[in-house]
PDB file of all heavy atoms in Angstrom:
ATOM      1  N   ASP A   1      98.966  75.573  45.509  1.00  0.00           N
ATOM      2  CA  ASP A   1      98.311  74.878  46.621  1.00  0.00           C
ATOM      3  C   ASP A   1      99.304  74.332  47.644  1.00  0.00           C
ATOM      4  O   ASP A   1      98.994  74.264  48.835  1.00  0.00           O
ATOM      5  CB  ASP A   1      97.453  73.726  46.106  1.00  0.00           C
ATOM      6  CG  ASP A   1      96.197  74.199  45.410  1.00  0.00           C
ATOM      7  OD1 ASP A   1      95.762  75.343  45.666  1.00  0.00           O
ATOM      8  OD2 ASP A   1      95.635  73.426  44.618  1.00  0.00           O
ATOM      9  N   VAL A   2     100.475  73.957  47.198  1.00  0.00           N
ATOM     10  CA  VAL A   2     101.455  73.342  48.099  1.00  0.00           C
ATOM     11  C   VAL A   2     102.284  74.396  48.820  1.00  0.00           C
ATOM     12  O   VAL A   2     102.388  74.390  50.045  1.00  0.00           O
ATOM     13  CB  VAL A   2     102.383  72.374  47.318  1.00  0.00           C
ATOM     14  CG1 VAL A   2     103.471  71.815  48.217  1.00  0.00           C
ATOM     15  CG2 VAL A   2     101.558  71.253  46.702  1.00  0.00           C
ATOM     16  N   THR A   3     102.868  75.324  48.054  1.00  0.00           N
ATOM     17  CA  THR A   3     103.771  76.314  48.654  1.00  0.00           C
ATOM     18  C   THR A   3     103.047  77.525  49.217  1.00  0.00           C
ATOM     19  O   THR A   3     103.623  78.291  49.977  1.00  0.00           O
ATOM     20  CB  THR A   3     104.800  76.801  47.615  1.00  0.00           C
ATOM     21  OG1 THR A   3     104.100  77.532  46.591  1.00  0.00           O
ATOM     22  CG2 THR A   3     105.579  75.641  47.024  1.00  0.00           C
ATOM     23  N   LYS A   4     101.796  77.726  48.794  1.00  0.00           N
ATOM     24  CA  LYS A   4     100.985  78.882  49.203  1.00  0.00           C
ATOM     25  C   LYS A   4     101.579  80.204  48.715  1.00  0.00           C
ATOM     26  O   LYS A   4     101.245  81.270  49.193  1.00  0.00           O
ATOM     27  CB  LYS A   4     100.798  78.943  50.731  1.00  0.00           C
ATOM     28  CG  LYS A   4     100.292  77.671  51.346  1.00  0.00           C
ATOM     29  CD  LYS A   4      98.930  77.315  50.822  1.00  0.00           C
ATOM     30  CE  LYS A   4      98.420  76.061  51.531  1.00  0.00           C
ATOM     31  NZ  LYS A   4      97.454  75.341  50.778  1.00  0.00           N
ATOM     32  N   ARG A   5     102.462  80.130  47.725  1.00  0.00           N
ATOM     33  CA  ARG A   5     103.062  81.338  47.154  1.00  0.00           C
ATOM     34  C   ARG A   5     102.292  81.757  45.913  1.00  0.00           C
ATOM     35  O   ARG A   5     101.777  80.919  45.166  1.00  0.00           O
ATOM     36  CB  ARG A   5     104.523  81.065  46.791  1.00  0.00           C
ATOM     37  CG  ARG A   5     105.359  80.722  48.036  1.00  0.00           C
ATOM     38  CD  ARG A   5     106.760  80.397  47.681  1.00  0.00           C
ATOM     39  NE  ARG A   5     107.464  81.648  47.376  1.00  0.00           N
ATOM     40  CZ  ARG A   5     108.684  81.707  46.878  1.00  0.00           C
ATOM     41  NH1 ARG A   5     109.324  80.594  46.599  1.00  0.00           N
ATOM     42  NH2 ARG A   5     109.249  82.863  46.634  1.00  0.00           N
ATOM     43  N   ALA A   6     102.248  83.065  45.685  1.00  0.00           N
ATOM     44  CA  ALA A   6     101.586  83.599  44.495  1.00  0.00           C
ATOM     45  C   ALA A   6     102.358  83.153  43.259  1.00  0.00           C
ATOM     46  O   ALA A   6     103.586  83.212  43.222  1.00  0.00           O
ATOM     47  CB  ALA A   6     101.526  85.119  44.561  1.00  0.00           C
ATOM     48  N   THR A   7     101.629  82.659  42.252  1.00  0.00           N
ATOM     49  CA  THR A   7     102.270  82.196  41.020  1.00  0.00           C
ATOM     50  C   THR A   7     101.917  83.068  39.825  1.00  0.00           C
ATOM     51  O   THR A   7     102.618  83.047  38.822  1.00  0.00           O
ATOM     52  CB  THR A   7     101.876  80.744  40.703  1.00  0.00           C
ATOM     53  OG1 THR A   7     100.447  80.664  40.609  1.00  0.00           O
ATOM     54  CG2 THR A   7     102.369  79.792  41.784  1.00  0.00           C
ATOM     55  N   ALA A   8     100.833  83.832  39.929  1.00  0.00           N
ATOM     56  CA  ALA A   8     100.427  84.709  38.821  1.00  0.00           C
ATOM     57  C   ALA A   8      99.481  85.773  39.362  1.00  0.00           C
ATOM     58  O   ALA A   8      98.723  85.531  40.296  1.00  0.00           O
ATOM     59  CB  ALA A   8      99.739  83.908  37.729  1.00  0.00           C
ATOM     60  N   THR A   9      99.543  86.945  38.740  1.00  0.00           N
ATOM     61  CA  THR A   9      98.607  88.019  39.044  1.00  0.00           C
ATOM     62  C   THR A   9      98.007  88.479  37.729  1.00  0.00           C
ATOM     63  O   THR A   9      98.732  88.762  36.777  1.00  0.00           O
ATOM     64  CB  THR A   9      99.316  89.188  39.746  1.00  0.00           C
ATOM     65  OG1 THR A   9      99.906  88.709  40.946  1.00  0.00           O
ATOM     66  CG2 THR A   9      98.339  90.302  40.076  1.00  0.00           C
ATOM     67  N   ILE A  10      96.684  88.545  37.689  1.00  0.00           N
ATOM     68  CA  ILE A  10      95.970  88.898  36.463  1.00  0.00           C
ATOM     69  C   ILE A  10      95.208  90.187  36.705  1.00  0.00           C
ATOM     70  O   ILE A  10      94.430  90.285  37.664  1.00  0.00           O
ATOM     71  CB  ILE A  10      95.003  87.774  36.055  1.00  0.00           C
ATOM     72  CG1 ILE A  10      95.785  86.485  35.842  1.00  0.00           C
ATOM     73  CG2 ILE A  10      94.193  88.159  34.831  1.00  0.00           C
ATOM     74  CD1 ILE A  10      95.013  85.255  36.142  1.00  0.00           C
ATOM     75  N   ASP A  11      95.429  91.179  35.858  1.00  0.00           N
ATOM     76  CA  ASP A  11      94.708  92.446  35.941  1.00  0.00           C
ATOM     77  C   ASP A  11      93.373  92.270  35.231  1.00  0.00           C
ATOM     78  O   ASP A  11      93.309  92.257  33.996  1.00  0.00           O
ATOM     79  CB  ASP A  11      95.526  93.556  35.300  1.00  0.00           C
ATOM     80  CG  ASP A  11      94.913  94.928  35.482  1.00  0.00           C
ATOM     81  OD1 ASP A  11      93.732  95.017  35.892  1.00  0.00           O
ATOM     82  OD2 ASP A  11      95.609  95.914  35.204  1.00  0.00           O
ATOM     83  N   LEU A  12      92.301  92.121  35.979  1.00  0.00           N
ATOM     84  CA  LEU A  12      90.984  91.862  35.406  1.00  0.00           C
ATOM     85  C   LEU A  12      90.456  93.045  34.598  1.00  0.00           C
ATOM     86  O   LEU A  12      89.578  92.874  33.759  1.00  0.00           O
ATOM     87  CB  LEU A  12      90.001  91.491  36.509  1.00  0.00           C
ATOM     88  CG  LEU A  12      90.326  90.197  37.241  1.00  0.00           C
ATOM     89  CD1 LEU A  12      89.371  89.985  38.411  1.00  0.00           C
ATOM     90  CD2 LEU A  12      90.301  89.018  36.297  1.00  0.00           C
ATOM     91  N   ARG A  13      91.005  94.228  34.804  1.00  0.00           N
ATOM     92  CA  ARG A  13      90.579  95.401  34.024  1.00  0.00           C
ATOM     93  C   ARG A  13      90.971  95.264  32.554  1.00  0.00           C
ATOM     94  O   ARG A  13      90.416  95.938  31.698  1.00  0.00           O
ATOM     95  CB  ARG A  13      91.173  96.675  34.605  1.00  0.00           C
ATOM     96  CG  ARG A  13      90.655  96.993  36.007  1.00  0.00           C
ATOM     97  CD  ARG A  13      91.394  98.126  36.607  1.00  0.00           C
ATOM     98  NE  ARG A  13      92.779  97.701  36.801  1.00  0.00           N
ATOM     99  CZ  ARG A  13      93.705  98.414  37.400  1.00  0.00           C
ATOM    100  NH1 ARG A  13      93.427  99.607  37.852  1.00  0.00           N
ATOM    101  NH2 ARG A  13      94.920  97.954  37.562  1.00  0.00           N
ATOM    102  N   LYS A  14      91.907  94.369  32.262  1.00  0.00           N
ATOM    103  CA  LYS A  14      92.350  94.174  30.880  1.00  0.00           C
ATOM    104  C   LYS A  14      91.499  93.173  30.108  1.00  0.00           C
ATOM    105  O   LYS A  14      91.687  92.993  28.916  1.00  0.00           O
ATOM    106  CB  LYS A  14      93.815  93.749  30.856  1.00  0.00           C
ATOM    107  CG  LYS A  14      94.740  94.851  31.346  1.00  0.00           C
ATOM    108  CD  LYS A  14      96.182  94.449  31.230  1.00  0.00           C
ATOM    109  CE  LYS A  14      97.069  95.601  31.693  1.00  0.00           C
ATOM    110  NZ  LYS A  14      98.478  95.282  31.533  1.00  0.00           N
ATOM    111  N   ALA A  15      90.564  92.529  30.778  1.00  0.00           N
ATOM    112  CA  ALA A  15      89.660  91.601  30.092  1.00  0.00           C
ATOM    113  C   ALA A  15      88.779  92.399  29.134  1.00  0.00           C
ATOM    114  O   ALA A  15      88.284  93.473  29.465  1.00  0.00           O
ATOM    115  CB  ALA A  15      88.804  90.848  31.097  1.00  0.00           C
ATOM    116  N   ILE A  16      88.610  91.863  27.926  1.00  0.00           N
ATOM    117  CA  ILE A  16      87.794  92.560  26.927  1.00  0.00           C
ATOM    118  C   ILE A  16      86.419  91.928  26.777  1.00  0.00           C
ATOM    119  O   ILE A  16      85.520  92.537  26.200  1.00  0.00           O
ATOM    120  CB  ILE A  16      88.513  92.631  25.560  1.00  0.00           C
ATOM    121  CG1 ILE A  16      88.855  91.232  25.048  1.00  0.00           C
ATOM    122  CG2 ILE A  16      89.754  93.506  25.660  1.00  0.00           C
ATOM    123  CD1 ILE A  16      89.421  91.207  23.640  1.00  0.00           C
ATOM    124  N   ALA A  17      86.232  90.713  27.303  1.00  0.00           N
ATOM    125  CA  ALA A  17      84.930  90.056  27.187  1.00  0.00           C
ATOM    126  C   ALA A  17      84.882  88.854  28.124  1.00  0.00           C
ATOM    127  O   ALA A  17      85.910  88.357  28.576  1.00  0.00           O
ATOM    128  CB  ALA A  17      84.673  89.593  25.759  1.00  0.00           C
ATOM    129  N   VAL A  18      83.655  88.414  28.380  1.00  0.00           N
ATOM    130  CA  VAL A  18      83.404  87.189  29.126  1.00  0.00           C
ATOM    131  C   VAL A  18      82.511  86.322  28.251  1.00  0.00           C
ATOM    132  O   VAL A  18      81.518  86.799  27.714  1.00  0.00           O
ATOM    133  CB  VAL A  18      82.697  87.475  30.469  1.00  0.00           C
ATOM    134  CG1 VAL A  18      82.365  86.175  31.189  1.00  0.00           C
ATOM    135  CG2 VAL A  18      83.544  88.378  31.341  1.00  0.00           C
ATOM    136  N   GLU A  19      82.885  85.053  28.079  1.00  0.00           N
ATOM    137  CA  GLU A  19      82.057  84.099  27.336  1.00  0.00           C
ATOM    138  C   GLU A  19      81.546  83.068  28.331  1.00  0.00           C
ATOM    139  O   GLU A  19      82.315  82.481  29.074  1.00  0.00           O
ATOM    140  CB  GLU A  19      82.861  83.370  26.259  1.00  0.00           C
ATOM    141  CG  GLU A  19      83.115  84.174  25.035  1.00  0.00           C
ATOM    142  CD  GLU A  19      83.815  83.357  23.951  1.00  0.00           C
ATOM    143  OE1 GLU A  19      84.229  82.198  24.203  1.00  0.00           O
ATOM    144  OE2 GLU A  19      83.969  83.897  22.861  1.00  0.00           O
ATOM    145  N   ASP A  20      80.257  82.843  28.304  1.00  0.00           N
ATOM    146  CA  ASP A  20      79.625  81.876  29.185  1.00  0.00           C
ATOM    147  C   ASP A  20      79.301  80.621  28.382  1.00  0.00           C
ATOM    148  O   ASP A  20      78.638  80.700  27.350  1.00  0.00           O
ATOM    149  CB  ASP A  20      78.352  82.486  29.763  1.00  0.00           C
ATOM    150  CG  ASP A  20      77.723  81.638  30.840  1.00  0.00           C
ATOM    151  OD1 ASP A  20      77.818  80.391  30.779  1.00  0.00           O
ATOM    152  OD2 ASP A  20      77.127  82.229  31.744  1.00  0.00           O
ATOM    153  N   ALA A  21      79.756  79.471  28.844  1.00  0.00           N
ATOM    154  CA  ALA A  21      79.521  78.216  28.119  1.00  0.00           C
ATOM    155  C   ALA A  21      78.036  77.941  27.975  1.00  0.00           C
ATOM    156  O   ALA A  21      77.599  77.418  26.952  1.00  0.00           O
ATOM    157  CB  ALA A  21      80.204  77.054  28.840  1.00  0.00           C
ATOM    158  N   GLU A  22      77.239  78.305  28.962  1.00  0.00           N
ATOM    159  CA  GLU A  22      75.791  78.088  28.883  1.00  0.00           C
ATOM    160  C   GLU A  22      75.202  78.883  27.726  1.00  0.00           C
ATOM    161  O   GLU A  22      74.356  78.386  26.981  1.00  0.00           O
ATOM    162  CB  GLU A  22      75.110  78.502  30.194  1.00  0.00           C
ATOM    163  CG  GLU A  22      75.618  77.795  31.419  1.00  0.00           C
ATOM    164  CD  GLU A  22      75.370  76.304  31.406  1.00  0.00           C
ATOM    165  OE1 GLU A  22      74.313  75.876  30.903  1.00  0.00           O
ATOM    166  OE2 GLU A  22      76.225  75.572  31.890  1.00  0.00           O
ATOM    167  N   ASP A  23      75.630  80.129  27.564  1.00  0.00           N
ATOM    168  CA  ASP A  23      75.135  80.968  26.469  1.00  0.00           C
ATOM    169  C   ASP A  23      75.531  80.391  25.115  1.00  0.00           C
ATOM    170  O   ASP A  23      74.739  80.362  24.189  1.00  0.00           O
ATOM    171  CB  ASP A  23      75.674  82.395  26.584  1.00  0.00           C
ATOM    172  CG  ASP A  23      75.124  83.126  27.789  1.00  0.00           C
ATOM    173  OD1 ASP A  23      74.085  82.696  28.341  1.00  0.00           O
ATOM    174  OD2 ASP A  23      75.742  84.129  28.182  1.00  0.00           O
ATOM    175  N   LEU A  24      76.774  79.917  25.014  1.00  0.00           N
ATOM    176  CA  LEU A  24      77.238  79.367  23.742  1.00  0.00           C
ATOM    177  C   LEU A  24      76.492  78.094  23.385  1.00  0.00           C
ATOM    178  O   LEU A  24      76.138  77.869  22.233  1.00  0.00           O
ATOM    179  CB  LEU A  24      78.741  79.099  23.786  1.00  0.00           C
ATOM    180  CG  LEU A  24      79.619  80.341  23.841  1.00  0.00           C
ATOM    181  CD1 LEU A  24      81.077  79.938  24.014  1.00  0.00           C
ATOM    182  CD2 LEU A  24      79.434  81.194  22.609  1.00  0.00           C
ATOM    183  N   ARG A  25      76.221  77.243  24.383  1.00  0.00           N
ATOM    184  CA  ARG A  25      75.473  76.010  24.115  1.00  0.00           C
ATOM    185  C   ARG A  25      74.058  76.326  23.663  1.00  0.00           C
ATOM    186  O   ARG A  25      73.525  75.676  22.780  1.00  0.00           O
ATOM    187  CB  ARG A  25      75.450  75.104  25.350  1.00  0.00           C
ATOM    188  CG  ARG A  25      76.706  74.289  25.503  1.00  0.00           C
ATOM    189  CD  ARG A  25      76.500  73.136  26.464  1.00  0.00           C
ATOM    190  NE  ARG A  25      76.120  73.571  27.786  1.00  0.00           N
ATOM    191  CZ  ARG A  25      76.984  73.855  28.761  1.00  0.00           C
ATOM    192  NH1 ARG A  25      78.269  73.763  28.550  1.00  0.00           N
ATOM    193  NH2 ARG A  25      76.558  74.224  29.942  1.00  0.00           N
ATOM    194  N   SER A  26      73.437  77.335  24.247  1.00  0.00           N
ATOM    195  CA  SER A  26      72.060  77.660  23.866  1.00  0.00           C
ATOM    196  C   SER A  26      72.000  78.287  22.478  1.00  0.00           C
ATOM    197  O   SER A  26      70.977  78.201  21.806  1.00  0.00           O
ATOM    198  CB  SER A  26      71.420  78.590  24.895  1.00  0.00           C
ATOM    199  OG  SER A  26      72.035  79.847  24.875  1.00  0.00           O
ATOM    200  N   GLN A  27      73.083  78.909  22.012  1.00  0.00           N
ATOM    201  CA  GLN A  27      73.117  79.508  20.677  1.00  0.00           C
ATOM    202  C   GLN A  27      73.408  78.489  19.592  1.00  0.00           C
ATOM    203  O   GLN A  27      73.164  78.740  18.427  1.00  0.00           O
ATOM    204  CB  GLN A  27      74.178  80.614  20.621  1.00  0.00           C
ATOM    205  CG  GLN A  27      73.828  81.817  21.456  1.00  0.00           C
ATOM    206  CD  GLN A  27      74.969  82.788  21.526  1.00  0.00           C
ATOM    207  OE1 GLN A  27      75.957  82.653  20.816  1.00  0.00           O
ATOM    208  NE2 GLN A  27      74.851  83.770  22.396  1.00  0.00           N
ATOM    209  N   ALA A  28      73.957  77.343  19.960  1.00  0.00           N
ATOM    210  CA  ALA A  28      74.315  76.321  18.979  1.00  0.00           C
ATOM    211  C   ALA A  28      73.035  75.639  18.502  1.00  0.00           C
ATOM    212  O   ALA A  28      72.421  74.864  19.218  1.00  0.00           O
ATOM    213  CB  ALA A  28      75.272  75.304  19.586  1.00  0.00           C
ATOM    214  N   LEU A  29      72.629  75.922  17.289  1.00  0.00           N
ATOM    215  CA  LEU A  29      71.371  75.404  16.781  1.00  0.00           C
ATOM    216  C   LEU A  29      71.515  74.036  16.120  1.00  0.00           C
ATOM    217  O   LEU A  29      70.573  73.269  16.055  1.00  0.00           O
ATOM    218  CB  LEU A  29      70.775  76.396  15.783  1.00  0.00           C
ATOM    219  CG  LEU A  29      70.514  77.792  16.336  1.00  0.00           C
ATOM    220  CD1 LEU A  29      70.013  78.709  15.231  1.00  0.00           C
ATOM    221  CD2 LEU A  29      69.515  77.735  17.480  1.00  0.00           C
ATOM    222  N   THR A  30      72.701  73.748  15.614  1.00  0.00           N
ATOM    223  CA  THR A  30      72.927  72.483  14.928  1.00  0.00           C
ATOM    224  C   THR A  30      74.270  71.916  15.370  1.00  0.00           C
ATOM    225  O   THR A  30      75.107  72.640  15.899  1.00  0.00           O
ATOM    226  CB  THR A  30      72.974  72.691  13.401  1.00  0.00           C
ATOM    227  OG1 THR A  30      74.145  73.455  13.090  1.00  0.00           O
ATOM    228  CG2 THR A  30      71.735  73.391  12.890  1.00  0.00           C
ATOM    229  N   PRO A  31      74.509  70.645  15.146  1.00  0.00           N
ATOM    230  CA  PRO A  31      75.835  70.099  15.458  1.00  0.00           C
ATOM    231  C   PRO A  31      76.948  70.828  14.715  1.00  0.00           C
ATOM    232  O   PRO A  31      78.028  71.020  15.243  1.00  0.00           O
ATOM    233  CB  PRO A  31      75.725  68.633  15.025  1.00  0.00           C
ATOM    234  CG  PRO A  31      74.268  68.332  15.134  1.00  0.00           C
ATOM    235  CD  PRO A  31      73.568  69.613  14.745  1.00  0.00           C
ATOM    236  N   ALA A  32      76.692  71.277  13.501  1.00  0.00           N
ATOM    237  CA  ALA A  32      77.718  71.997  12.737  1.00  0.00           C
ATOM    238  C   ALA A  32      78.047  73.329  13.391  1.00  0.00           C
ATOM    239  O   ALA A  32      79.208  73.709  13.498  1.00  0.00           O
ATOM    240  CB  ALA A  32      77.253  72.207  11.299  1.00  0.00           C
ATOM    241  N   SER A  33      77.032  74.054  13.859  1.00  0.00           N
ATOM    242  CA  SER A  33      77.313  75.336  14.496  1.00  0.00           C
ATOM    243  C   SER A  33      77.977  75.122  15.850  1.00  0.00           C
ATOM    244  O   SER A  33      78.783  75.935  16.280  1.00  0.00           O
ATOM    245  CB  SER A  33      76.044  76.172  14.644  1.00  0.00           C
ATOM    246  OG  SER A  33      75.113  75.532  15.482  1.00  0.00           O
ATOM    247  N   ALA A  34      77.678  74.045  16.529  1.00  0.00           N
ATOM    248  CA  ALA A  34      78.336  73.745  17.798  1.00  0.00           C
ATOM    249  C   ALA A  34      79.817  73.490  17.579  1.00  0.00           C
ATOM    250  O   ALA A  34      80.646  73.899  18.377  1.00  0.00           O
ATOM    251  CB  ALA A  34      77.687  72.528  18.461  1.00  0.00           C
ATOM    252  N   ARG A  35      80.152  72.825  16.476  1.00  0.00           N
ATOM    253  CA  ARG A  35      81.565  72.542  16.202  1.00  0.00           C
ATOM    254  C   ARG A  35      82.351  73.798  15.925  1.00  0.00           C
ATOM    255  O   ARG A  35      83.555  73.838  16.113  1.00  0.00           O
ATOM    256  CB  ARG A  35      81.687  71.574  15.030  1.00  0.00           C
ATOM    257  CG  ARG A  35      81.433  70.146  15.410  1.00  0.00           C
ATOM    258  CD  ARG A  35      81.883  69.218  14.298  1.00  0.00           C
ATOM    259  NE  ARG A  35      81.144  69.429  13.069  1.00  0.00           N
ATOM    260  CZ  ARG A  35      79.986  68.869  12.777  1.00  0.00           C
ATOM    261  NH1 ARG A  35      79.395  68.093  13.649  1.00  0.00           N
ATOM    262  NH2 ARG A  35      79.391  69.115  11.623  1.00  0.00           N
ATOM    263  N   SER A  36      81.694  74.867  15.485  1.00  0.00           N
ATOM    264  CA  SER A  36      82.423  76.092  15.180  1.00  0.00           C
ATOM    265  C   SER A  36      82.738  76.902  16.424  1.00  0.00           C
ATOM    266  O   SER A  36      83.475  77.863  16.372  1.00  0.00           O
ATOM    267  CB  SER A  36      81.619  76.962  14.201  1.00  0.00           C
ATOM    268  OG  SER A  36      80.450  77.442  14.833  1.00  0.00           O
ATOM    269  N   SER A  37      82.206  76.511  17.567  1.00  0.00           N
ATOM    270  CA  SER A  37      82.439  77.240  18.801  1.00  0.00           C
ATOM    271  C   SER A  37      83.873  77.051  19.278  1.00  0.00           C
ATOM    272  O   SER A  37      84.459  75.980  19.158  1.00  0.00           O
ATOM    273  CB  SER A  37      81.488  76.721  19.874  1.00  0.00           C
ATOM    274  OG  SER A  37      81.890  77.179  21.139  1.00  0.00           O
ATOM    275  N   ARG A  38      84.425  78.088  19.892  1.00  0.00           N
ATOM    276  CA  ARG A  38      85.756  77.986  20.477  1.00  0.00           C
ATOM    277  C   ARG A  38      85.744  76.967  21.611  1.00  0.00           C
ATOM    278  O   ARG A  38      86.735  76.343  21.905  1.00  0.00           O
ATOM    279  CB  ARG A  38      86.188  79.344  21.024  1.00  0.00           C
ATOM    280  CG  ARG A  38      86.398  80.356  19.941  1.00  0.00           C
ATOM    281  CD  ARG A  38      86.682  81.699  20.516  1.00  0.00           C
ATOM    282  NE  ARG A  38      87.944  81.637  21.215  1.00  0.00           N
ATOM    283  CZ  ARG A  38      88.353  82.574  22.041  1.00  0.00           C
ATOM    284  NH1 ARG A  38      87.612  83.611  22.282  1.00  0.00           N
ATOM    285  NH2 ARG A  38      89.520  82.481  22.643  1.00  0.00           N
ATOM    286  N   TYR A  39      84.615  76.806  22.282  1.00  0.00           N
ATOM    287  CA  TYR A  39      84.537  75.851  23.377  1.00  0.00           C
ATOM    288  C   TYR A  39      84.685  74.430  22.880  1.00  0.00           C
ATOM    289  O   TYR A  39      85.236  73.597  23.549  1.00  0.00           O
ATOM    290  CB  TYR A  39      83.205  76.004  24.132  1.00  0.00           C
ATOM    291  CG  TYR A  39      83.268  77.073  25.180  1.00  0.00           C
ATOM    292  CD1 TYR A  39      83.162  78.405  24.850  1.00  0.00           C
ATOM    293  CD2 TYR A  39      83.468  76.727  26.511  1.00  0.00           C
ATOM    294  CE1 TYR A  39      83.240  79.376  25.830  1.00  0.00           C
ATOM    295  CE2 TYR A  39      83.542  77.692  27.486  1.00  0.00           C
ATOM    296  CZ  TYR A  39      83.429  79.021  27.138  1.00  0.00           C
ATOM    297  OH  TYR A  39      83.517  79.974  28.093  1.00  0.00           O
ATOM    298  N   ASP A  40      84.207  74.137  21.696  1.00  0.00           N
ATOM    299  CA  ASP A  40      84.314  72.779  21.176  1.00  0.00           C
ATOM    300  C   ASP A  40      85.737  72.467  20.740  1.00  0.00           C
ATOM    301  O   ASP A  40      86.170  71.332  20.821  1.00  0.00           O
ATOM    302  CB  ASP A  40      83.349  72.596  20.003  1.00  0.00           C
ATOM    303  CG  ASP A  40      83.202  71.138  19.612  1.00  0.00           C
ATOM    304  OD1 ASP A  40      83.056  70.292  20.511  1.00  0.00           O
ATOM    305  OD2 ASP A  40      83.252  70.862  18.405  1.00  0.00           O
TER     306      ASP A  40
END
């Protein structure tokens, strides 16, 4: 933000998956299953 220079380039073609926090929250049926999420 300060120097306006590129600091990283990410090849999006190498992504293997997308996880949506909304989807993970809706799948969490109990507090125990919510704790097992990578988001938690």
